[in-house]
Each structure stands twice: as structure tokens, then as C-alpha cells.
Amino acid sequence: MQVTELLIKKCIEGDQIAIKKLYKACYSFMMGISIRYQGSETEAEDAMNQGFLKVIQNLKSYDPKRGFKSWFAKIIVNTNIDIYRSNKRHKALNVYVENYNGFETNALSIQLESNSLFEYEELLALIKKLTPMTQKVFNLYVIDGYKHKEIAELLDISDGTSKWHLSTARKTLQKELEKMTIRKIHAI
């Protein structure tokens, strides 16, 4: 992600060409974050675009002494978390309405080191198989570097619940990685 101070300055001034250049320069970085948090590529693109809009709206508050990439990433991650919270509230409302109408509802240190046996897409697919909350905690802790206290505040859960989700993610992913390793070894 190559972003210069001049490009940022032009974006702040509202230069549409500069904004397009910033978008193109940051696209894969934003999409990489959003795809980890959203259920589909379409949802990830929507979240990414919402996040980018927030970046553009808040560029004046960016402090050049801080790293642009970490400032930028925090906005994209927080946008994805906000979308998750919004969807969570919406789903809770749907469950309430279903129950009201008489319907029943059913209510790390994992090291993903580069390993020639596994492709990025395979690892991402394994993470996507985790339950939504476990997936969010795993992404925030392992990939984005948040602490349990910060995760608890972002997701409106306790520190202990955050730790439990991370532990569950580690165990699940380790089991799945072992299964994949055995399958790949037998295929060779």
C-alpha cells in the first residue's frame, strides 16, 4: 500500500482523481480486512466502501506522525465491527418477532505460519467456518492485534467471553489444520 503525503493532501482538498488513486492503492488491503469479517464478497465490498468513505471524511484528522496504514486499518476494522453490531441487533429483532408470532427458534497463539501445504484461501475458508462471534474475536485478536479488553468493548461481551471464543477458535482451527494436513499427505 503506497500512499504519499501529497496524495493524502490532494484527497483532503477533494481531488477526485487523488481519491480514486487512494482507493486503488488501498483496495486489496481494505478487501483483505473486510473479507475476514463479512459473510460474502459482496458484503465485504459494501463494508469496504463504507469504511473508505469514513476514511475520506476523516482524512483531516489523520496525524502524519502516526502510521497511515494503522490509522486506515483501524477505521476499516471498526466499520466492519459496526456493521456486525448492526446486523446482530437486526437478527435479535427478527428472533423476537419470530418468538412473538409463536415460531420456535434455536437459539492464540495459533500460528498460521507460511506453510507450503496450505494456501491462503484454504486458511481463510477454515476461519470462515467458525461461528460468527468466534470468527470476529479470532480476527480481532490474532490478525488485527487487539487485546481482549478492546475486543470485549467492541463486541459488547466480557473479557472472559472473548478469551473463550479465542480458545474455541484455536482448538477448532488446529483440528481442521491437522485433518487437512493428513488429507494432503495421503494425496501426495
C-alpha atoms as a PDB file:
ATOM      1  CA  MET A   1       0.000   0.000   0.000  1.00  0.00           C
ATOM      2  CA  GLN A   2       1.888   3.030  -1.300  1.00  0.00           C
ATOM      3  CA  VAL A   3       0.333   6.257  -0.020  1.00  0.00           C
ATOM      4  CA  THR A   4       2.225   9.544  -0.104  1.00  0.00           C
ATOM      5  CA  GLU A   5       1.612  12.680   1.941  1.00  0.00           C
ATOM      6  CA  LEU A   6       0.952  14.542  -1.321  1.00  0.00           C
ATOM      7  CA  LEU A   7      -1.784  12.053  -2.259  1.00  0.00           C
ATOM      8  CA  ILE A   8      -3.371  12.445   1.179  1.00  0.00           C
ATOM      9  CA  LYS A   9      -3.213  16.252   0.868  1.00  0.00           C
ATOM     10  CA  LYS A  10      -4.929  16.140  -2.533  1.00  0.00           C
ATOM     11  CA  CYS A  11      -7.630  13.830  -1.133  1.00  0.00           C
ATOM     12  CA  ILE A  12      -8.260  16.265   1.733  1.00  0.00           C
ATOM     13  CA  GLU A  13      -8.653  19.023  -0.863  1.00  0.00           C
ATOM     14  CA  GLY A  14     -11.347  16.910  -2.571  1.00  0.00           C
ATOM     15  CA  ASP A  15      -9.371  15.990  -5.712  1.00  0.00           C
ATOM     16  CA  GLN A  16     -11.466  13.164  -7.211  1.00  0.00           C
ATOM     17  CA  ILE A  17      -8.538  11.737  -9.178  1.00  0.00           C
ATOM     18  CA  ALA A  18      -6.466  11.544  -5.983  1.00  0.00           C
ATOM     19  CA  ILE A  19      -9.362   9.864  -4.150  1.00  0.00           C
ATOM     20  CA  LYS A  20      -9.584   7.257  -6.931  1.00  0.00           C
ATOM     21  CA  LYS A  21      -5.822   6.684  -6.705  1.00  0.00           C
ATOM     22  CA  LEU A  22      -6.063   6.225  -2.931  1.00  0.00           C
ATOM     23  CA  TYR A  23      -8.945   3.786  -3.379  1.00  0.00           C
ATOM     24  CA  LYS A  24      -6.999   1.740  -5.933  1.00  0.00           C
ATOM     25  CA  ALA A  25      -3.844   1.791  -3.800  1.00  0.00           C
ATOM     26  CA  CYS A  26      -5.732   0.564  -0.739  1.00  0.00           C
ATOM     27  CA  TYR A  27      -8.300  -1.741  -2.372  1.00  0.00           C
ATOM     28  CA  SER A  28      -6.644  -5.101  -1.696  1.00  0.00           C
ATOM     29  CA  PHE A  29      -5.694  -4.058   1.845  1.00  0.00           C
ATOM     30  CA  MET A  30      -9.279  -2.967   2.623  1.00  0.00           C
ATOM     31  CA  MET A  31     -10.775  -6.034   0.966  1.00  0.00           C
ATOM     32  CA  GLY A  32      -8.404  -8.313   2.887  1.00  0.00           C
ATOM     33  CA  ILE A  33      -9.706  -6.903   6.156  1.00  0.00           C
ATOM     34  CA  SER A  34     -13.377  -6.825   5.146  1.00  0.00           C
ATOM     35  CA  ILE A  35     -13.483 -10.352   3.722  1.00  0.00           C
ATOM     36  CA  ARG A  36     -12.396 -11.680   7.126  1.00  0.00           C
ATOM     37  CA  TYR A  37     -15.350 -10.030   8.846  1.00  0.00           C
ATOM     38  CA  GLN A  38     -18.176 -10.371   6.345  1.00  0.00           C
ATOM     39  CA  GLY A  39     -20.106 -13.412   5.137  1.00  0.00           C
ATOM     40  CA  SER A  40     -19.652 -12.898   1.413  1.00  0.00           C
ATOM     41  CA  GLU A  41     -17.562 -10.981  -1.082  1.00  0.00           C
ATOM     42  CA  THR A  42     -20.482  -8.651  -1.808  1.00  0.00           C
ATOM     43  CA  GLU A  43     -20.925  -7.841   1.887  1.00  0.00           C
ATOM     44  CA  ALA A  44     -17.163  -7.341   2.184  1.00  0.00           C
ATOM     45  CA  GLU A  45     -17.182  -4.868  -0.718  1.00  0.00           C
ATOM     46  CA  ASP A  46     -20.079  -2.958   0.848  1.00  0.00           C
ATOM     47  CA  ALA A  47     -18.260  -2.809   4.204  1.00  0.00           C
ATOM     48  CA  MET A  48     -15.018  -1.821   2.498  1.00  0.00           C
ATOM     49  CA  ASN A  49     -16.734   1.020   0.636  1.00  0.00           C
ATOM     50  CA  GLN A  50     -18.417   2.265   3.822  1.00  0.00           C
ATOM     51  CA  GLY A  51     -15.044   2.187   5.548  1.00  0.00           C
ATOM     52  CA  PHE A  52     -13.331   4.028   2.704  1.00  0.00           C
ATOM     53  CA  LEU A  53     -15.990   6.735   2.839  1.00  0.00           C
ATOM     54  CA  LYS A  54     -15.245   7.162   6.567  1.00  0.00           C
ATOM     55  CA  VAL A  55     -11.528   7.367   5.762  1.00  0.00           C
ATOM     56  CA  ILE A  56     -12.144  10.157   3.230  1.00  0.00           C
ATOM     57  CA  GLN A  57     -14.477  12.001   5.635  1.00  0.00           C
ATOM     58  CA  ASN A  58     -11.892  11.804   8.433  1.00  0.00           C
ATOM     59  CA  LEU A  59      -8.668  12.401   6.485  1.00  0.00           C
ATOM     60  CA  LYS A  60      -8.362  15.880   8.007  1.00  0.00           C
ATOM     61  CA  SER A  61      -7.979  14.258  11.432  1.00  0.00           C
ATOM     62  CA  TYR A  62      -5.131  11.991  10.271  1.00  0.00           C
ATOM     63  CA  ASP A  63      -1.860  12.806  12.028  1.00  0.00           C
ATOM     64  CA  PRO A  64       1.098  12.267   9.644  1.00  0.00           C
ATOM     65  CA  LYS A  65       3.281  11.417  12.660  1.00  0.00           C
ATOM     66  CA  ARG A  66       1.225   8.221  13.070  1.00  0.00           C
ATOM     67  CA  GLY A  67       1.401   5.467  10.511  1.00  0.00           C
ATOM     68  CA  PHE A  68      -1.212   5.873   7.792  1.00  0.00           C
ATOM     69  CA  LYS A  69      -1.657   2.139   7.350  1.00  0.00           C
ATOM     70  CA  SER A  70      -2.529   1.502  11.013  1.00  0.00           C
ATOM     71  CA  TRP A  71      -4.841   4.549  11.150  1.00  0.00           C
ATOM     72  CA  PHE A  72      -6.517   3.417   7.941  1.00  0.00           C
ATOM     73  CA  ALA A  73      -6.825  -0.213   9.098  1.00  0.00           C
ATOM     74  CA  LYS A  74      -8.435   0.802  12.379  1.00  0.00           C
ATOM     75  CA  ILE A  75     -11.186   2.659  10.501  1.00  0.00           C
ATOM     76  CA  ILE A  76     -11.829  -0.311   8.192  1.00  0.00           C
ATOM     77  CA  VAL A  77     -11.896  -2.798  11.095  1.00  0.00           C
ATOM     78  CA  ASN A  78     -14.187  -0.574  13.161  1.00  0.00           C
ATOM     79  CA  THR A  79     -16.535  -0.137  10.198  1.00  0.00           C
ATOM     80  CA  ASN A  80     -16.759  -3.927   9.832  1.00  0.00           C
ATOM     81  CA  ILE A  81     -17.449  -4.279  13.568  1.00  0.00           C
ATOM     82  CA  ASP A  82     -20.132  -1.575  13.383  1.00  0.00           C
ATOM     83  CA  ILE A  83     -21.809  -3.472  10.542  1.00  0.00           C
ATOM     84  CA  TYR A  84     -21.614  -6.674  12.585  1.00  0.00           C
ATOM     85  CA  ARG A  85     -23.253  -4.935  15.575  1.00  0.00           C
ATOM     86  CA  SER A  86     -25.971  -3.511  13.366  1.00  0.00           C
ATOM     87  CA  ASN A  87     -26.669  -6.929  11.848  1.00  0.00           C
ATOM     88  CA  LYS A  88     -26.631  -8.515  15.316  1.00  0.00           C
ATOM     89  CA  ARG A  89     -29.309  -6.079  16.531  1.00  0.00           C
ATOM     90  CA  HIS A  90     -31.330  -6.725  13.386  1.00  0.00           C
ATOM     91  CA  LYS A  91     -31.106 -10.510  13.868  1.00  0.00           C
ATOM     92  CA  ALA A  92     -32.091 -10.173  17.548  1.00  0.00           C
ATOM     93  CA  LEU A  93     -35.163  -8.221  16.489  1.00  0.00           C
ATOM     94  CA  ASN A  94     -36.064 -10.940  13.972  1.00  0.00           C
ATOM     95  CA  VAL A  95     -35.779 -13.630  16.657  1.00  0.00           C
ATOM     96  CA  TYR A  96     -38.011 -11.617  18.964  1.00  0.00           C
ATOM     97  CA  VAL A  97     -40.630 -11.168  16.236  1.00  0.00           C
ATOM     98  CA  GLU A  98     -40.491 -14.887  15.370  1.00  0.00           C
ATOM     99  CA  ASN A  99     -40.907 -15.850  19.021  1.00  0.00           C
ATOM    100  CA  TYR A 100     -43.687 -13.341  19.422  1.00  0.00           C
ATOM    101  CA  ASN A 101     -45.542 -14.894  16.495  1.00  0.00           C
ATOM    102  CA  GLY A 102     -45.280 -18.339  18.045  1.00  0.00           C
ATOM    103  CA  PHE A 103     -42.386 -19.702  15.961  1.00  0.00           C
ATOM    104  CA  GLU A 104     -39.620 -21.675  17.668  1.00  0.00           C
ATOM    105  CA  THR A 105     -36.024 -20.514  17.174  1.00  0.00           C
ATOM    106  CA  ASN A 106     -32.821 -22.296  18.084  1.00  0.00           C
ATOM    107  CA  ALA A 107     -31.240 -20.195  19.835  1.00  0.00           C
ATOM    108  CA  LEU A 108      -3.912 -17.544  20.201  1.00  0.00           C
ATOM    109  CA  SER A 109      -1.491 -18.385  19.555  1.00  0.00           C
ATOM    110  CA  ILE A 110      -2.391 -20.482  16.593  1.00  0.00           C
ATOM    111  CA  GLN A 111       0.446 -19.977  14.263  1.00  0.00           C
ATOM    112  CA  LEU A 112      -0.631 -19.559  10.676  1.00  0.00           C
ATOM    113  CA  GLU A 113       2.953 -19.546   9.536  1.00  0.00           C
ATOM    114  CA  SER A 114       3.611 -19.803   5.869  1.00  0.00           C
ATOM    115  CA  ASN A 115       3.459 -23.474   5.138  1.00  0.00           C
ATOM    116  CA  SER A 116       3.613 -24.825   1.622  1.00  0.00           C
ATOM    117  CA  LEU A 117       0.838 -27.304   2.438  1.00  0.00           C
ATOM    118  CA  PHE A 118      -1.751 -24.575   2.923  1.00  0.00           C
ATOM    119  CA  GLU A 119      -2.930 -21.825   0.642  1.00  0.00           C
ATOM    120  CA  TYR A 120      -4.221 -18.521   1.969  1.00  0.00           C
ATOM    121  CA  GLU A 121      -7.688 -19.272   0.582  1.00  0.00           C
ATOM    122  CA  GLU A 122      -7.797 -22.605   2.432  1.00  0.00           C
ATOM    123  CA  LEU A 123      -6.918 -20.945   5.736  1.00  0.00           C
ATOM    124  CA  LEU A 124      -9.456 -18.188   5.121  1.00  0.00           C
ATOM    125  CA  ALA A 125     -12.106 -20.826   4.376  1.00  0.00           C
ATOM    126  CA  LEU A 126     -11.340 -22.542   7.701  1.00  0.00           C
ATOM    127  CA  ILE A 127     -11.694 -19.265   9.570  1.00  0.00           C
ATOM    128  CA  LYS A 128     -14.998 -18.612   7.772  1.00  0.00           C
ATOM    129  CA  LYS A 129     -16.329 -21.933   9.152  1.00  0.00           C
ATOM    130  CA  LEU A 130     -16.078 -20.625  12.727  1.00  0.00           C
ATOM    131  CA  THR A 131     -19.242 -19.254  14.300  1.00  0.00           C
ATOM    132  CA  PRO A 132     -19.627 -15.523  13.559  1.00  0.00           C
ATOM    133  CA  MET A 133     -18.678 -14.301  17.052  1.00  0.00           C
ATOM    134  CA  THR A 134     -15.723 -16.717  17.334  1.00  0.00           C
ATOM    135  CA  GLN A 135     -14.570 -15.604  13.892  1.00  0.00           C
ATOM    136  CA  LYS A 136     -14.754 -11.912  14.881  1.00  0.00           C
ATOM    137  CA  VAL A 137     -12.793 -12.478  18.101  1.00  0.00           C
ATOM    138  CA  PHE A 138     -10.169 -14.551  16.255  1.00  0.00           C
ATOM    139  CA  ASN A 139      -9.741 -11.889  13.554  1.00  0.00           C
ATOM    140  CA  LEU A 140      -9.528  -9.040  16.038  1.00  0.00           C
ATOM    141  CA  TYR A 141      -7.070 -10.800  18.351  1.00  0.00           C
ATOM    142  CA  VAL A 142      -4.817 -12.799  16.039  1.00  0.00           C
ATOM    143  CA  ILE A 143      -4.882 -10.862  12.805  1.00  0.00           C
ATOM    144  CA  ASP A 144      -5.615  -7.279  13.844  1.00  0.00           C
ATOM    145  CA  GLY A 145      -3.755  -7.340  17.181  1.00  0.00           C
ATOM    146  CA  TYR A 146      -6.495  -6.161  19.534  1.00  0.00           C
ATOM    147  CA  LYS A 147      -6.399  -7.092  23.238  1.00  0.00           C
ATOM    148  CA  HIS A 148      -9.245  -8.974  24.932  1.00  0.00           C
ATOM    149  CA  LYS A 149     -10.376  -5.845  26.776  1.00  0.00           C
ATOM    150  CA  GLU A 150     -10.636  -3.921  23.487  1.00  0.00           C
ATOM    151  CA  ILE A 151     -12.454  -6.823  21.812  1.00  0.00           C
ATOM    152  CA  ALA A 152     -14.889  -7.023  24.718  1.00  0.00           C
ATOM    153  CA  GLU A 153     -15.715  -3.330  24.330  1.00  0.00           C
ATOM    154  CA  LEU A 154     -16.036  -3.524  20.537  1.00  0.00           C
ATOM    155  CA  LEU A 155     -18.290  -6.590  20.532  1.00  0.00           C
ATOM    156  CA  ASP A 156     -20.151  -5.822  23.772  1.00  0.00           C
ATOM    157  CA  ILE A 157     -19.017  -9.027  25.503  1.00  0.00           C
ATOM    158  CA  SER A 158     -16.911  -9.745  28.606  1.00  0.00           C
ATOM    159  CA  ASP A 159     -13.137 -10.279  28.572  1.00  0.00           C
ATOM    160  CA  GLY A 160     -13.731 -13.894  29.613  1.00  0.00           C
ATOM    161  CA  THR A 161     -16.125 -14.481  26.727  1.00  0.00           C
ATOM    162  CA  SER A 162     -13.546 -13.045  24.336  1.00  0.00           C
ATOM    163  CA  LYS A 163     -10.924 -15.434  25.728  1.00  0.00           C
ATOM    164  CA  TRP A 164     -13.333 -18.363  25.442  1.00  0.00           C
ATOM    165  CA  HIS A 165     -14.058 -17.571  21.775  1.00  0.00           C
ATOM    166  CA  LEU A 166     -10.331 -17.320  21.028  1.00  0.00           C
ATOM    167  CA  SER A 167      -9.675 -20.641  22.749  1.00  0.00           C
ATOM    168  CA  THR A 168     -12.509 -22.266  20.804  1.00  0.00           C
ATOM    169  CA  ALA A 169     -11.155 -20.844  17.539  1.00  0.00           C
ATOM    170  CA  ARG A 170      -7.654 -22.141  18.275  1.00  0.00           C
ATOM    171  CA  LYS A 171      -8.879 -25.659  19.077  1.00  0.00           C
ATOM    172  CA  THR A 172     -11.188 -25.800  16.077  1.00  0.00           C
ATOM    173  CA  LEU A 173      -8.595 -24.470  13.641  1.00  0.00           C
ATOM    174  CA  GLN A 174      -5.869 -26.767  14.976  1.00  0.00           C
ATOM    175  CA  LYS A 175      -8.126 -29.810  14.492  1.00  0.00           C
ATOM    176  CA  GLU A 176      -9.079 -28.705  10.984  1.00  0.00           C
ATOM    177  CA  LEU A 177      -5.456 -27.986  10.041  1.00  0.00           C
ATOM    178  CA  GLU A 178      -4.452 -31.458  11.269  1.00  0.00           C
ATOM    179  CA  LYS A 179      -7.218 -33.041   9.150  1.00  0.00           C
ATOM    180  CA  MET A 180      -6.148 -31.030   6.109  1.00  0.00           C
ATOM    181  CA  THR A 181      -2.507 -31.993   6.640  1.00  0.00           C
ATOM    182  CA  ILE A 182      -3.372 -35.693   6.787  1.00  0.00           C
ATOM    183  CA  ARG A 183      -5.517 -35.418   3.626  1.00  0.00           C
ATOM    184  CA  LYS A 184      -2.747 -33.588   1.762  1.00  0.00           C
ATOM    185  CA  ILE A 185      -0.085 -36.062   2.857  1.00  0.00           C
ATOM    186  CA  HIS A 186      -2.228 -39.008   1.700  1.00  0.00           C
ATOM    187  CA  ALA A 187      -2.845 -37.272  -1.625  1.00  0.00           C
ATOM    188  CA  ILE A 188       0.897 -36.993  -2.296  1.00  0.00           C
END
